[in-house]
N, C-alpha and C. Protein backbone atom coordinates (compact mmCIF):
# COMPACT_ATOMS: atom_id res chain seq x y z
N UNK A 1 4.23 -6.05 -20.12
CA UNK A 1 3.08 -6.10 -19.05
C UNK A 1 1.70 -6.43 -19.85
N UNK A 2 1.06 -7.35 -19.33
CA UNK A 2 -0.30 -7.67 -20.00
C UNK A 2 -1.33 -6.49 -19.91
N UNK A 3 -2.22 -6.42 -20.73
CA UNK A 3 -3.17 -5.49 -20.75
C UNK A 3 -4.01 -5.34 -19.44
N UNK A 4 -4.40 -6.55 -18.96
CA UNK A 4 -5.06 -6.66 -17.63
C UNK A 4 -4.13 -6.08 -16.50
N UNK A 5 -2.87 -6.45 -16.53
CA UNK A 5 -2.04 -5.95 -15.49
C UNK A 5 -1.94 -4.37 -15.64
N UNK A 6 -1.84 -3.95 -16.75
CA UNK A 6 -1.80 -2.37 -16.91
C UNK A 6 -2.93 -1.76 -16.34
N UNK A 7 -4.15 -2.30 -16.67
CA UNK A 7 -5.36 -1.75 -16.17
C UNK A 7 -5.29 -1.80 -14.51
N UNK A 8 -5.00 -2.96 -13.98
CA UNK A 8 -4.88 -3.03 -12.52
C UNK A 8 -3.89 -2.06 -11.98
N UNK A 9 -2.72 -1.98 -12.47
CA UNK A 9 -1.65 -0.88 -12.14
C UNK A 9 -2.20 0.50 -12.17
N UNK A 10 -2.94 0.86 -13.19
CA UNK A 10 -3.46 2.24 -13.29
C UNK A 10 -4.58 2.46 -12.33
N UNK A 11 -5.32 1.42 -12.06
CA UNK A 11 -6.36 1.60 -11.05
C UNK A 11 -5.78 1.67 -9.56
N UNK A 12 -4.86 0.91 -9.39
CA UNK A 12 -4.16 1.01 -8.07
C UNK A 12 -3.49 2.37 -7.93
N UNK A 13 -2.80 2.92 -8.88
CA UNK A 13 -2.27 4.23 -8.82
C UNK A 13 -3.32 5.24 -8.56
N UNK A 14 -4.37 5.18 -9.32
CA UNK A 14 -5.41 6.12 -9.24
C UNK A 14 -5.93 6.19 -7.79
N UNK A 15 -6.16 4.94 -7.17
CA UNK A 15 -6.61 4.83 -5.82
C UNK A 15 -5.52 5.43 -4.81
N UNK A 16 -4.15 5.30 -5.13
CA UNK A 16 -3.28 5.89 -4.24
C UNK A 16 -3.42 7.32 -4.25
N UNK A 17 -3.50 7.87 -5.48
CA UNK A 17 -3.77 9.34 -5.63
C UNK A 17 -4.99 9.92 -5.06
N UNK A 18 -6.16 9.23 -5.17
CA UNK A 18 -7.33 9.63 -4.49
C UNK A 18 -7.18 9.65 -3.02
N UNK A 19 -6.61 8.57 -2.61
CA UNK A 19 -6.37 8.50 -1.02
C UNK A 19 -5.50 9.60 -0.59
N UNK A 20 -4.38 10.01 -1.36
CA UNK A 20 -3.51 11.13 -0.98
C UNK A 20 -4.27 12.43 -0.92
N UNK A 21 -5.21 12.55 -2.09
CA UNK A 21 -5.96 13.86 -2.16
C UNK A 21 -6.85 14.00 -0.77
N UNK A 22 -7.40 12.76 -0.36
CA UNK A 22 -8.29 12.97 0.82
C UNK A 22 -7.40 13.17 1.99
N UNK A 23 -6.21 12.80 2.12
CA UNK A 23 -5.21 13.11 3.17
C UNK A 23 -4.88 14.46 3.27
N UNK A 24 -4.59 14.97 2.11
CA UNK A 24 -4.10 16.40 2.03
C UNK A 24 -5.23 17.42 2.39
N UNK A 25 -6.46 16.96 2.02
CA UNK A 25 -7.57 17.91 2.30
C UNK A 25 -8.44 17.76 3.59
N UNK A 26 -7.99 16.67 4.40
CA UNK A 26 -8.70 16.52 5.77
C UNK A 26 -7.79 16.55 6.93
N UNK A 27 -8.35 16.41 8.04
CA UNK A 27 -7.71 16.48 9.31
C UNK A 27 -7.51 15.14 9.70
N UNK A 28 -7.99 14.10 9.19
CA UNK A 28 -7.69 12.71 9.69
C UNK A 28 -7.75 11.71 8.52
N UNK A 29 -7.16 10.58 8.85
CA UNK A 29 -7.07 9.54 7.74
C UNK A 29 -8.45 8.87 7.51
N UNK A 30 -8.77 8.47 6.31
CA UNK A 30 -10.01 7.91 5.97
C UNK A 30 -9.91 6.39 5.87
N UNK A 31 -8.74 5.82 6.16
CA UNK A 31 -8.51 4.42 6.08
C UNK A 31 -9.42 3.56 7.13
N UNK A 32 -9.85 2.43 6.75
CA UNK A 32 -10.72 1.64 7.58
C UNK A 32 -9.93 0.79 8.54
N UNK A 33 -9.95 1.22 9.96
CA UNK A 33 -9.13 0.40 10.96
C UNK A 33 -10.15 -0.06 11.88
N UNK A 34 -11.44 -0.20 11.54
CA UNK A 34 -12.59 -0.67 12.45
C UNK A 34 -12.36 -2.04 12.94
N UNK A 35 -12.95 -2.42 13.98
CA UNK A 35 -12.84 -3.79 14.54
C UNK A 35 -13.39 -4.80 13.57
N UNK A 36 -14.38 -4.48 12.78
CA UNK A 36 -15.06 -5.40 11.83
C UNK A 36 -13.91 -5.61 10.75
N UNK A 37 -13.29 -4.53 10.29
CA UNK A 37 -12.14 -4.76 9.14
C UNK A 37 -10.97 -5.60 9.72
N UNK A 38 -10.70 -5.46 11.08
CA UNK A 38 -9.51 -6.15 11.68
C UNK A 38 -10.00 -7.70 11.68
N UNK A 39 -11.16 -7.92 12.09
CA UNK A 39 -11.63 -9.41 12.08
C UNK A 39 -11.79 -9.90 10.84
N UNK A 40 -12.24 -9.23 9.84
CA UNK A 40 -12.34 -9.72 8.40
C UNK A 40 -10.94 -9.98 7.81
N UNK A 41 -10.03 -9.03 8.13
CA UNK A 41 -8.63 -9.26 7.54
C UNK A 41 -8.03 -10.52 8.23
N UNK A 42 -8.27 -10.62 9.60
CA UNK A 42 -7.68 -11.90 10.11
C UNK A 42 -8.31 -13.11 9.68
N UNK A 43 -9.61 -13.18 9.45
CA UNK A 43 -10.32 -14.46 9.04
C UNK A 43 -10.12 -14.67 7.44
N UNK A 44 -10.34 -13.58 6.74
CA UNK A 44 -10.24 -13.90 5.26
C UNK A 44 -8.82 -13.57 4.52
N UNK A 45 -7.97 -13.01 5.26
CA UNK A 45 -6.65 -12.62 4.93
C UNK A 45 -6.62 -11.17 4.30
N UNK A 46 -5.53 -10.78 3.99
CA UNK A 46 -5.36 -9.31 3.47
C UNK A 46 -5.33 -9.32 1.96
N UNK A 47 -5.65 -8.36 1.36
CA UNK A 47 -5.61 -8.08 -0.07
C UNK A 47 -5.24 -6.77 -0.44
N UNK A 48 -3.85 -6.48 -0.25
CA UNK A 48 -3.29 -5.23 -0.53
C UNK A 48 -3.27 -4.92 -2.03
N UNK A 49 -3.42 -3.65 -2.36
CA UNK A 49 -3.64 -3.21 -3.82
C UNK A 49 -2.18 -2.63 -4.20
N UNK A 50 -1.31 -2.42 -3.21
CA UNK A 50 -0.06 -1.70 -3.62
C UNK A 50 1.10 -2.08 -2.68
N UNK A 51 2.22 -2.10 -3.11
CA UNK A 51 3.50 -2.21 -2.14
C UNK A 51 4.17 -0.70 -2.22
N UNK A 52 4.38 -0.22 -1.00
CA UNK A 52 4.99 1.03 -0.87
C UNK A 52 6.28 0.98 -0.17
N UNK A 53 7.26 1.34 -0.78
CA UNK A 53 8.66 1.39 -0.05
C UNK A 53 8.82 2.76 0.43
N UNK A 54 8.89 2.80 1.79
CA UNK A 54 8.99 4.20 2.42
C UNK A 54 10.18 4.38 3.44
N UNK A 55 10.50 5.48 3.64
CA UNK A 55 11.51 5.88 4.68
C UNK A 55 11.02 5.58 6.06
N UNK A 56 11.89 5.02 6.88
CA UNK A 56 11.52 4.73 8.20
C UNK A 56 11.56 5.98 9.19
N UNK A 57 10.54 6.59 9.04
CA UNK A 57 10.45 7.93 9.78
C UNK A 57 8.95 7.99 10.47
N UNK A 58 9.03 8.27 11.71
CA UNK A 58 7.63 8.33 12.46
C UNK A 58 6.78 9.33 11.93
N UNK A 59 7.25 10.29 11.26
CA UNK A 59 6.37 11.40 10.52
C UNK A 59 5.71 10.91 9.30
N UNK A 60 6.23 9.89 8.67
CA UNK A 60 5.70 9.40 7.42
C UNK A 60 4.92 8.14 7.51
N UNK A 61 3.72 8.14 7.44
CA UNK A 61 2.86 6.97 7.59
C UNK A 61 2.02 6.74 6.28
N UNK A 62 2.66 5.81 5.47
CA UNK A 62 2.03 5.60 4.17
C UNK A 62 0.53 5.26 4.26
N UNK A 63 0.20 4.51 5.18
CA UNK A 63 -1.31 4.22 5.31
C UNK A 63 -2.23 5.53 5.40
N UNK A 64 -1.69 6.37 6.24
CA UNK A 64 -2.41 7.58 6.36
C UNK A 64 -2.30 8.61 5.10
N UNK A 65 -1.04 8.55 4.68
CA UNK A 65 -0.98 9.43 3.43
C UNK A 65 -1.75 9.03 2.22
N UNK A 66 -2.08 7.74 2.16
CA UNK A 66 -2.97 7.23 1.03
C UNK A 66 -4.32 6.81 1.46
N UNK A 67 -4.69 7.28 2.62
CA UNK A 67 -5.97 6.93 3.25
C UNK A 67 -6.36 5.48 3.05
N UNK A 68 -5.43 4.63 3.45
CA UNK A 68 -5.54 3.16 3.37
C UNK A 68 -5.83 2.52 4.78
N UNK A 69 -6.56 1.53 4.70
CA UNK A 69 -6.99 0.90 5.95
C UNK A 69 -6.08 -0.42 6.21
N UNK A 70 -6.46 -1.12 7.19
CA UNK A 70 -5.79 -2.43 7.47
C UNK A 70 -5.91 -3.30 6.36
N UNK A 71 -4.85 -4.00 5.98
CA UNK A 71 -4.81 -4.93 4.88
C UNK A 71 -4.76 -4.40 3.37
N UNK A 72 -4.65 -3.12 3.23
CA UNK A 72 -4.70 -2.56 1.90
C UNK A 72 -3.43 -2.29 1.34
N UNK A 73 -2.37 -2.07 2.12
CA UNK A 73 -0.94 -1.84 1.60
C UNK A 73 0.09 -2.71 2.20
N UNK A 74 1.03 -3.21 1.43
CA UNK A 74 2.31 -3.75 2.04
C UNK A 74 3.23 -2.54 2.09
N UNK A 75 3.76 -2.42 3.19
CA UNK A 75 4.63 -1.36 3.36
C UNK A 75 6.13 -1.80 3.89
N UNK A 76 7.06 -1.46 3.04
CA UNK A 76 8.42 -1.87 3.37
C UNK A 76 9.20 -0.51 3.81
N UNK A 77 9.72 -0.51 4.94
CA UNK A 77 10.41 0.59 5.53
C UNK A 77 11.86 0.43 5.29
N UNK A 78 12.50 1.46 4.95
CA UNK A 78 14.08 1.43 4.83
C UNK A 78 14.62 2.57 5.60
N UNK A 79 15.90 2.39 5.89
CA UNK A 79 16.66 3.45 6.61
C UNK A 79 17.53 4.25 5.84
N UNK A 80 17.55 5.63 5.90
CA UNK A 80 18.49 6.38 5.14
C UNK A 80 18.11 6.52 3.67
N UNK A 81 16.86 6.20 3.38
CA UNK A 81 16.32 6.28 1.89
C UNK A 81 17.16 5.45 0.98
N UNK A 82 17.80 4.41 1.60
CA UNK A 82 18.45 3.41 0.62
C UNK A 82 17.72 2.22 0.61
N UNK A 83 17.50 1.84 -0.66
CA UNK A 83 16.77 0.58 -0.99
C UNK A 83 17.77 -0.50 -1.44
N UNK A 84 17.98 -1.60 -0.66
CA UNK A 84 18.82 -2.69 -1.09
C UNK A 84 18.12 -3.84 -1.76
N UNK A 85 18.70 -4.78 -2.25
CA UNK A 85 18.15 -5.93 -2.99
C UNK A 85 17.12 -6.51 -2.21
N UNK A 86 17.36 -6.70 -0.93
CA UNK A 86 16.33 -7.51 -0.13
C UNK A 86 15.00 -6.80 -0.16
N UNK A 87 14.86 -5.51 -0.02
CA UNK A 87 13.70 -4.70 -0.16
C UNK A 87 13.02 -4.77 -1.67
N UNK A 88 13.92 -4.76 -2.61
CA UNK A 88 13.44 -4.76 -4.05
C UNK A 88 12.82 -6.09 -4.25
N UNK A 89 13.58 -7.15 -3.87
CA UNK A 89 13.12 -8.65 -4.08
C UNK A 89 11.84 -8.87 -3.31
N UNK A 90 11.70 -8.29 -2.16
CA UNK A 90 10.58 -8.45 -1.29
C UNK A 90 9.40 -7.73 -2.09
N UNK A 91 9.53 -6.53 -2.59
CA UNK A 91 8.39 -5.95 -3.39
C UNK A 91 8.08 -6.71 -4.66
N UNK A 92 9.08 -7.18 -5.45
CA UNK A 92 8.89 -7.81 -6.59
C UNK A 92 8.11 -9.18 -6.35
N UNK A 93 8.54 -9.81 -5.21
CA UNK A 93 7.74 -11.04 -4.81
C UNK A 93 6.33 -10.79 -4.66
N UNK A 94 5.87 -9.73 -3.89
CA UNK A 94 4.60 -9.57 -3.66
C UNK A 94 3.77 -9.30 -4.98
N UNK A 95 4.41 -8.62 -5.94
CA UNK A 95 3.77 -8.19 -7.17
C UNK A 95 3.83 -9.52 -8.09
N UNK A 96 4.91 -10.28 -8.17
CA UNK A 96 4.99 -11.53 -9.09
C UNK A 96 3.94 -12.62 -8.62
N UNK A 97 3.75 -12.75 -7.26
CA UNK A 97 2.87 -13.76 -6.77
C UNK A 97 1.59 -13.40 -6.82
N UNK A 98 1.14 -12.15 -7.28
CA UNK A 98 -0.25 -11.74 -7.30
C UNK A 98 -0.84 -11.26 -6.00
N UNK A 99 0.14 -11.11 -5.04
CA UNK A 99 -0.44 -10.69 -3.68
C UNK A 99 -0.85 -9.17 -3.71
N UNK A 100 -0.21 -8.39 -4.70
CA UNK A 100 -0.56 -7.04 -4.73
C UNK A 100 -0.54 -6.77 -6.35
N UNK A 101 -1.22 -5.55 -6.58
CA UNK A 101 -1.32 -5.16 -8.02
C UNK A 101 -0.44 -4.11 -8.52
N UNK A 102 0.20 -3.29 -7.53
CA UNK A 102 0.99 -2.22 -8.05
C UNK A 102 2.10 -2.02 -7.03
N UNK A 103 3.23 -1.48 -7.49
CA UNK A 103 4.38 -1.27 -6.61
C UNK A 103 4.90 0.03 -6.90
N UNK A 104 5.03 0.96 -5.87
CA UNK A 104 5.50 2.28 -5.81
C UNK A 104 6.77 2.46 -4.99
């Protein structure tokens, strides 16, 4: 991994940790889901900073857990906590093409 990639990965991971700390210590998600953010994401596109592979459970909302707003995470949901090659290849594609900086 290149030095720049390592720095971006570290920054993305730290952002996830900070978002999780906000989630744990508050009663609401701090992610931006405003109308302005929705319009901006629609017009300018999304720029997620991480790929999250998560269990398909209505009680688990990665965007809330990491205090992420619209366009900030690519979330791949799986059933039974089983990750198949399709999910792994999807996550790797997002990272390899530069669409995201970090995969967890």
